[in-house]
Amino acid sequence: MNKSARIAGMLVGAAIVAAACSSGSASPSAAALIPVKLQLQWVPQAQFAGYYAALDQGYYTAAGLNVTVLSGGPDVNNLQVVASGGADLGVSWVPKTLQSREGGTDLVTVAQVFQRSGTRMVSFKDKSIVAPKDMAGKKIGSWLGGNEPELFAALTKAGLDPTKENVIKQNFDMVAFVQGDLDAAQAMIYNEYAQVLETKNPKTGALFTPADLNVMDFNDPSIGTAMLQDAIFARDTWLKQGSNADTATKFLTASFKGWIYCRDNPQKCADIVTKAGSQLGTSHQLWMMNEINALIWPSPNGIGQFDTTAWNQTVDIATKYEILKAAPSDGAYRTDLAQAALAALGSSVDTKGASFQKLTVTLNEGGK
């Protein structure tokens, strides 16, 4: 079967799925559902709300799928789980998927959910760090372990040598930063940044506010070193077996529908994730949902679609900073499944979110 025929077939199949998702027709019997396992890269939280929403709202069931969402965490190698057949699809940052592929797996990125990087560098105003060049001679926190390329690329563009700067391995919290052991710290806008704002300033007894901080955003054109993050991937061998490509398209269609639901119902999705087992506090969970939505929406090409410029920038940075030894071979990603899933949602569904506006979320101490 040629590529055009294959895509046409997936479009027809996915269109049937989309109709079932929106028609209110009876769900397929449990025996008829196709089992699918999704491996997350971290524990349940709003970072993955679209998948939990698709479960909660019955989108996967309507698509004929019995989806099991597998929790990730510090002791789970999400890439290896999928590569070894322990799950059918997974969620990971693109550079890490490419690194696994370069190491011998056949992982393929099939949808790019996050359109922007969520990584930031934060510092207190009294440190006067407003641009990468200002980190010269400072104590710079980074999680390292593959999380540093955006930072290192930004330092290099500013004329600094990352190997000669005082880069300190940072824990996955902001304790060292708040205590003053770091002048600038790595923070995800949807998590660690909020942790600072949930903490009392010992000098005032009140919570820290954005006015206390300077934040560097790698998406800012003046920095321009952002890399692609949360994407959906699968094994190439799995996709080529039987009707698995069609199953993947059905999964993407329902997942995109879940993310659209979370865009339009952020509080409900925060509650869904809490019900799914997240240990985060109520205000922190809503903050995360709000910021995750802002990393996805607007999606100029439609939810889950690829931006060639962003992909190339990610590859260029990953190779320059030796996350990858060389640019990935052909087949590292495919666009046909995400395109078919997008088409299946139909023209009446807002798949771009051009008018998306963030909420104003008030954080409580400790994220409660």
Protein backbone atom coordinates (compact mmCIF):
# COMPACT_ATOMS: atom_id res chain seq x y z
CA MET A 1 0.00 0.00 0.00
CA ASN A 2 1.46 3.40 -0.96
CA LYS A 3 1.70 6.28 1.49
CA SER A 4 -1.28 8.20 0.07
CA ALA A 5 -3.52 5.17 0.34
CA ARG A 6 -2.29 4.48 3.86
CA ILE A 7 -3.04 8.04 5.00
CA ALA A 8 -6.43 7.94 3.30
CA GLY A 9 -7.23 4.73 5.14
CA MET A 10 -6.22 6.24 8.47
CA LEU A 11 -8.33 9.32 7.76
CA VAL A 12 -11.40 7.21 7.13
CA GLY A 13 -10.82 5.11 10.24
CA ALA A 14 -10.13 8.12 12.42
CA ALA A 15 -13.17 9.94 11.02
CA ILE A 16 -15.35 7.06 12.17
CA VAL A 17 -13.72 7.35 15.61
CA ALA A 18 -14.37 11.09 15.75
CA ALA A 19 -18.00 10.57 14.82
CA ALA A 20 -18.38 8.02 17.60
CA CYS A 21 -16.75 10.40 20.09
CA SER A 22 -19.22 13.17 19.30
CA SER A 23 -22.43 11.30 18.48
CA GLY A 24 -23.24 10.00 21.94
CA SER A 25 -23.61 6.47 20.54
CA ALA A 26 -23.20 3.50 22.84
CA SER A 27 -19.64 2.63 23.76
CA PRO A 28 -18.14 -0.58 22.35
CA SER A 29 -18.33 -3.61 24.60
CA ALA A 30 -15.30 -4.21 26.80
CA ALA A 31 -14.43 -7.34 24.84
CA ALA A 32 -14.27 -5.35 21.60
CA LEU A 33 -11.90 -2.68 22.92
CA ILE A 34 -8.29 -2.67 21.72
CA PRO A 35 -5.87 -2.60 24.70
CA VAL A 36 -3.34 0.26 24.60
CA LYS A 37 -0.77 1.16 27.25
CA LEU A 38 0.53 4.72 27.56
CA GLN A 39 3.73 5.29 29.57
CA LEU A 40 4.09 8.74 31.14
CA GLN A 41 7.47 10.31 31.88
CA TRP A 42 6.48 11.35 35.41
CA VAL A 43 3.88 10.81 38.11
CA PRO A 44 0.22 11.84 37.65
CA GLN A 45 -0.09 15.61 37.41
CA ALA A 46 -1.66 18.20 35.12
CA GLN A 47 1.31 17.91 32.76
CA PHE A 48 -0.56 14.84 31.44
CA ALA A 49 -4.11 16.08 31.98
CA GLY A 50 -5.22 15.56 28.39
CA TYR A 51 -4.73 11.81 28.63
CA TYR A 52 -6.51 11.53 31.97
CA ALA A 53 -9.34 13.69 30.60
CA ALA A 54 -9.66 11.41 27.55
CA LEU A 55 -10.04 8.50 29.96
CA ASP A 56 -12.46 10.31 32.27
CA GLN A 57 -14.64 11.66 29.46
CA GLY A 58 -14.81 8.33 27.66
CA TYR A 59 -13.03 9.47 24.51
CA TYR A 60 -10.74 6.44 24.38
CA THR A 61 -13.63 4.04 24.92
CA ALA A 62 -15.64 5.74 22.18
CA ALA A 63 -12.61 5.29 19.92
CA GLY A 64 -12.68 1.55 20.59
CA LEU A 65 -9.66 1.61 22.90
CA ASN A 66 -9.05 0.30 26.40
CA VAL A 67 -6.25 2.66 27.46
CA THR A 68 -4.14 2.08 30.55
CA VAL A 69 -2.05 5.06 31.69
CA LEU A 70 1.18 3.96 33.37
CA SER A 71 2.73 6.33 35.89
CA GLY A 72 6.35 7.39 35.50
CA GLY A 73 8.73 8.75 38.10
CA PRO A 74 12.39 8.87 39.11
CA ASP A 75 12.71 5.08 39.09
CA VAL A 76 10.93 4.54 35.74
CA ASN A 77 12.77 4.73 32.42
CA ASN A 78 9.78 5.68 30.30
CA LEU A 79 11.73 5.36 27.05
CA GLN A 80 12.98 1.88 27.84
CA VAL A 81 9.52 0.73 28.92
CA VAL A 82 8.16 1.51 25.44
CA ALA A 83 11.30 0.32 23.64
CA SER A 84 11.07 -3.06 25.36
CA GLY A 85 7.37 -3.49 24.65
CA GLY A 86 6.13 -2.73 28.17
CA ALA A 87 3.90 -0.02 26.72
CA ASP A 88 2.70 0.86 23.23
CA LEU A 89 3.08 4.63 23.36
CA GLY A 90 4.86 7.06 25.63
CA VAL A 91 5.34 10.72 26.47
CA SER A 92 8.82 12.26 26.59
CA TRP A 93 10.89 15.29 25.71
CA VAL A 94 12.05 15.09 22.10
CA PRO A 95 15.85 15.22 22.76
CA LYS A 96 15.59 12.26 25.12
CA THR A 97 13.60 10.24 22.60
CA LEU A 98 16.21 11.00 19.95
CA GLN A 99 19.00 10.04 22.32
CA SER A 100 17.32 6.68 22.95
CA ARG A 101 16.92 6.16 19.23
CA GLU A 102 20.60 6.94 18.67
CA GLY A 103 21.37 4.32 21.33
CA GLY A 104 19.72 1.62 19.25
CA THR A 105 15.96 1.76 19.86
CA ASP A 106 13.45 2.31 17.05
CA LEU A 107 11.40 4.98 18.84
CA VAL A 108 9.50 7.35 16.57
CA THR A 109 7.83 10.63 17.57
CA VAL A 110 4.27 10.64 16.23
CA ALA A 111 2.77 13.84 17.70
CA GLN A 112 4.18 17.06 19.15
CA VAL A 113 1.80 18.13 21.91
CA PHE A 114 3.81 20.93 23.58
CA GLN A 115 4.47 23.76 21.16
CA ARG A 116 6.76 25.66 23.52
CA SER A 117 9.41 24.89 26.11
CA GLY A 118 8.38 25.13 29.76
CA THR A 119 11.93 25.52 31.11
CA ARG A 120 12.94 28.79 32.75
CA MET A 121 15.87 30.23 34.70
CA VAL A 122 14.76 32.20 37.76
CA SER A 123 16.65 34.55 40.06
CA PHE A 124 15.84 37.06 42.75
CA LYS A 125 15.78 40.69 41.66
CA ASP A 126 18.73 41.62 43.87
CA LYS A 127 20.99 39.33 41.78
CA SER A 128 20.42 41.55 38.70
CA ILE A 129 20.30 38.56 36.34
CA VAL A 130 18.02 39.53 33.45
CA ALA A 131 19.84 37.92 30.51
CA PRO A 132 22.15 34.92 30.00
CA LYS A 133 25.26 37.12 29.98
CA ASP A 134 24.44 38.20 33.55
CA MET A 135 25.04 34.64 34.80
CA ALA A 136 28.79 35.06 34.34
CA GLY A 137 30.52 34.17 37.59
CA LYS A 138 27.23 33.32 39.32
CA LYS A 139 26.13 30.10 41.02
CA ILE A 140 23.92 28.53 38.34
CA GLY A 141 21.59 25.66 39.19
CA SER A 142 20.66 22.97 36.67
CA TRP A 143 19.23 19.47 36.96
CA LEU A 144 21.78 18.34 34.34
CA GLY A 145 21.28 14.76 33.13
CA GLY A 146 20.04 15.95 29.75
CA ASN A 147 18.07 18.95 31.05
CA GLU A 148 20.85 21.50 30.47
CA PRO A 149 21.15 22.03 26.66
CA GLU A 150 18.80 25.04 26.54
CA LEU A 151 20.79 26.70 29.34
CA PHE A 152 24.20 25.82 27.89
CA ALA A 153 23.16 27.03 24.45
CA ALA A 154 21.96 30.32 25.94
CA LEU A 155 25.24 30.80 27.85
CA THR A 156 27.25 30.08 24.71
CA LYS A 157 25.22 32.53 22.61
CA ALA A 158 25.98 35.13 25.30
CA GLY A 159 29.72 34.53 24.87
CA LEU A 160 30.18 32.40 27.98
CA ASP A 161 31.72 28.93 28.24
CA PRO A 162 29.29 26.64 30.15
CA THR A 163 32.16 24.32 31.11
CA LYS A 164 33.94 27.18 32.86
CA GLU A 165 30.95 28.68 34.64
CA ASN A 166 29.89 27.61 38.14
CA VAL A 167 27.06 25.24 37.15
CA ILE A 168 25.79 23.32 40.20
CA LYS A 169 23.70 20.16 40.08
CA GLN A 170 20.31 21.17 41.42
CA ASN A 171 17.72 19.02 43.20
CA PHE A 172 14.19 18.79 41.81
CA ASP A 173 13.00 21.44 44.24
CA MET A 174 13.73 25.09 44.96
CA VAL A 175 15.06 24.80 48.51
CA ALA A 176 18.67 25.67 47.60
CA PHE A 177 17.49 28.61 45.53
CA VAL A 178 15.28 30.07 48.28
CA GLN A 179 18.08 29.57 50.82
CA GLY A 180 20.47 31.55 48.63
CA ASP A 181 22.77 28.67 47.69
CA LEU A 182 22.03 29.37 44.01
CA ASP A 183 21.96 32.73 42.25
CA ALA A 184 19.90 31.38 39.36
CA ALA A 185 17.94 28.13 39.25
CA GLN A 186 16.31 25.97 36.63
CA ALA A 187 12.53 25.80 36.96
CA MET A 188 9.62 24.50 34.93
CA ILE A 189 7.08 27.30 34.63
CA TYR A 190 4.35 24.85 35.62
CA ASN A 191 6.07 23.39 38.68
CA GLU A 192 9.28 24.67 40.33
CA TYR A 193 8.52 28.31 39.55
CA ALA A 194 5.21 27.88 41.37
CA GLN A 195 7.05 26.26 44.29
CA VAL A 196 8.87 29.55 44.87
CA LEU A 197 5.61 31.51 44.79
CA GLU A 198 4.13 29.07 47.33
CA THR A 199 6.96 29.79 49.78
CA LYS A 200 7.08 32.49 52.45
CA ASN A 201 9.71 35.16 52.17
CA PRO A 202 11.47 34.98 55.58
CA LYS A 203 12.06 38.73 55.44
CA THR A 204 8.39 39.65 55.08
CA GLY A 205 6.44 36.63 56.26
CA ALA A 206 4.38 36.82 53.07
CA LEU A 207 4.60 34.56 50.03
CA PHE A 208 7.11 35.47 47.34
CA THR A 209 5.55 37.17 44.33
CA PRO A 210 6.54 37.43 40.65
CA ALA A 211 7.75 40.95 41.45
CA ASP A 212 10.52 39.42 43.57
CA LEU A 213 11.91 37.46 40.63
CA ASN A 214 13.54 37.78 37.25
CA VAL A 215 12.60 35.02 34.83
CA MET A 216 14.46 34.05 31.65
CA ASP A 217 12.34 32.27 29.05
CA PHE A 218 14.27 30.23 26.47
CA ASN A 219 11.37 30.76 24.03
CA ASP A 220 12.11 34.50 24.05
CA PRO A 221 13.55 35.39 20.61
CA SER A 222 16.31 37.37 22.35
CA ILE A 223 17.51 34.03 23.81
CA GLY A 224 16.18 31.60 21.21
CA THR A 225 17.44 28.27 22.57
CA ALA A 226 14.13 26.54 23.40
CA MET A 227 13.83 22.82 22.63
CA LEU A 228 10.76 20.67 22.03
CA GLN A 229 9.43 18.91 25.09
CA ASP A 230 6.39 16.66 25.66
CA ALA A 231 5.69 14.58 22.55
CA ILE A 232 4.05 11.20 21.96
CA PHE A 233 6.22 8.38 20.67
CA ALA A 234 5.99 4.69 19.79
CA ARG A 235 8.15 1.87 18.44
CA ASP A 236 8.48 1.81 14.68
CA THR A 237 8.15 -1.99 14.72
CA TRP A 238 4.88 -1.74 16.69
CA LEU A 239 3.45 0.84 14.30
CA LYS A 240 4.17 -1.43 11.33
CA GLN A 241 2.44 -4.47 12.85
CA GLY A 242 -1.12 -5.22 11.76
CA SER A 243 -3.51 -2.33 12.34
CA ASN A 244 -1.39 -0.62 14.99
CA ALA A 245 -0.92 2.54 12.93
CA ASP A 246 -4.71 2.89 12.84
CA THR A 247 -4.84 2.21 16.60
CA ALA A 248 -2.24 4.93 17.16
CA THR A 249 -4.31 7.35 15.07
CA LYS A 250 -7.40 6.57 17.13
CA PHE A 251 -5.38 7.14 20.29
CA LEU A 252 -4.12 10.50 19.03
CA THR A 253 -7.61 11.60 17.97
CA ALA A 254 -9.03 10.88 21.42
CA SER A 255 -5.97 12.39 23.18
CA PHE A 256 -6.21 15.60 21.17
CA LYS A 257 -9.87 15.74 22.15
CA GLY A 258 -8.78 15.37 25.78
CA TRP A 259 -6.36 18.27 25.51
CA ILE A 260 -9.04 20.42 23.88
CA TYR A 261 -11.34 19.57 26.79
CA CYS A 262 -8.63 20.68 29.25
CA ARG A 263 -8.12 23.93 27.38
CA ASP A 264 -11.83 24.70 27.75
CA ASN A 265 -12.27 23.18 31.24
CA PRO A 266 -9.03 23.74 33.19
CA GLN A 267 -10.53 23.41 36.68
CA LYS A 268 -12.34 20.20 35.77
CA CYS A 269 -9.12 18.75 34.38
CA ALA A 270 -7.16 19.73 37.47
CA ASP A 271 -9.77 17.85 39.48
CA ILE A 272 -9.58 14.85 37.12
CA VAL A 273 -5.82 14.58 37.63
CA THR A 274 -6.19 14.85 41.40
CA LYS A 275 -8.72 12.03 41.26
CA ALA A 276 -6.22 10.02 39.20
CA GLY A 277 -3.76 10.06 42.09
CA SER A 278 -1.77 13.29 41.93
CA GLN A 279 -0.38 14.35 45.30
CA LEU A 280 -0.10 18.03 44.38
CA GLY A 281 -2.12 20.63 46.22
CA THR A 282 -5.28 22.16 44.80
CA SER A 283 -3.88 25.57 43.87
CA HIS A 284 -0.63 24.09 42.54
CA GLN A 285 -2.56 21.64 40.36
CA LEU A 286 -4.65 24.41 38.81
CA TRP A 287 -1.52 26.53 38.29
CA MET A 288 0.09 23.60 36.49
CA MET A 289 -2.96 23.02 34.31
CA ASN A 290 -3.05 26.70 33.39
CA GLU A 291 0.62 26.81 32.45
CA ILE A 292 0.49 23.49 30.57
CA ASN A 293 -2.36 24.87 28.49
CA ALA A 294 -0.16 27.86 27.65
CA LEU A 295 2.56 25.53 26.37
CA ILE A 296 0.08 23.86 24.02
CA TRP A 297 -2.20 26.72 23.00
CA PRO A 298 -2.24 28.30 20.62
CA SER A 299 -1.14 25.47 18.31
CA PRO A 300 -0.75 27.35 15.00
CA ASN A 301 -0.74 24.17 12.89
CA GLY A 302 -3.32 22.38 15.02
CA ILE A 303 -2.98 20.29 18.18
CA GLY A 304 -0.19 17.70 17.98
CA GLN A 305 1.30 18.90 14.70
CA PHE A 306 5.00 19.37 13.97
CA ASP A 307 6.84 22.65 13.45
CA THR A 308 9.88 21.98 11.27
CA THR A 309 11.72 25.07 12.51
CA ALA A 310 11.31 24.05 16.16
CA TRP A 311 12.35 20.46 15.35
CA ASN A 312 15.49 21.61 13.54
CA GLN A 313 16.42 23.99 16.37
CA THR A 314 16.02 21.15 18.85
CA VAL A 315 18.25 18.85 16.80
CA ASP A 316 20.87 21.56 16.26
CA ILE A 317 21.15 22.29 19.99
CA ALA A 318 21.11 18.59 20.90
CA THR A 319 23.99 17.82 18.54
CA LYS A 320 26.00 20.90 19.48
CA TYR A 321 25.87 20.01 23.17
CA GLU A 322 26.43 16.31 22.54
CA ILE A 323 23.06 15.06 23.71
CA LEU A 324 23.22 13.51 20.24
CA LYS A 325 26.37 12.45 18.44
CA ALA A 326 24.80 13.28 15.09
CA ALA A 327 21.53 14.47 13.59
CA PRO A 328 18.88 11.73 13.68
CA SER A 329 18.37 9.51 10.69
CA ASP A 330 15.24 9.68 8.55
CA GLY A 331 12.23 8.21 10.30
CA ALA A 332 12.83 9.82 13.70
CA TYR A 333 9.37 11.31 13.39
CA ARG A 334 6.34 10.85 11.19
CA THR A 335 3.55 13.34 10.59
CA ASP A 336 0.88 11.22 8.92
CA LEU A 337 -0.72 9.85 12.08
CA ALA A 338 -1.09 13.25 13.78
CA GLN A 339 -2.39 14.75 10.53
CA ALA A 340 -5.00 12.01 10.20
CA ALA A 341 -6.03 12.46 13.83
CA LEU A 342 -6.36 16.22 13.38
CA ALA A 343 -8.45 15.80 10.25
CA ALA A 344 -10.71 13.35 12.04
CA LEU A 345 -11.68 15.97 14.60
CA GLY A 346 -13.35 17.93 11.83
CA SER A 347 -13.58 21.59 10.93
CA SER A 348 -16.17 22.34 13.61
CA VAL A 349 -13.65 21.64 16.39
CA ASP A 350 -11.23 24.39 17.44
CA THR A 351 -7.93 22.56 17.09
CA LYS A 352 -5.71 25.66 17.14
CA GLY A 353 -6.90 27.62 20.16
CA ALA A 354 -5.93 30.96 18.64
CA SER A 355 -8.08 32.85 21.16
CA PHE A 356 -6.77 30.97 24.21
CA GLN A 357 -6.33 33.13 27.31
CA LYS A 358 -4.69 32.00 30.54
CA LEU A 359 -6.50 32.09 33.84
CA THR A 360 -5.32 34.12 36.81
CA VAL A 361 -4.45 31.52 39.45
CA THR A 362 -3.81 32.38 43.10
CA LEU A 363 -1.28 30.07 44.74
CA ASN A 364 -1.57 29.17 48.41
CA GLU A 365 1.28 28.37 50.76
CA GLY A 366 2.63 24.92 49.91
CA GLY A 367 0.35 24.78 46.86
CA LYS A 368 -2.65 23.81 48.98
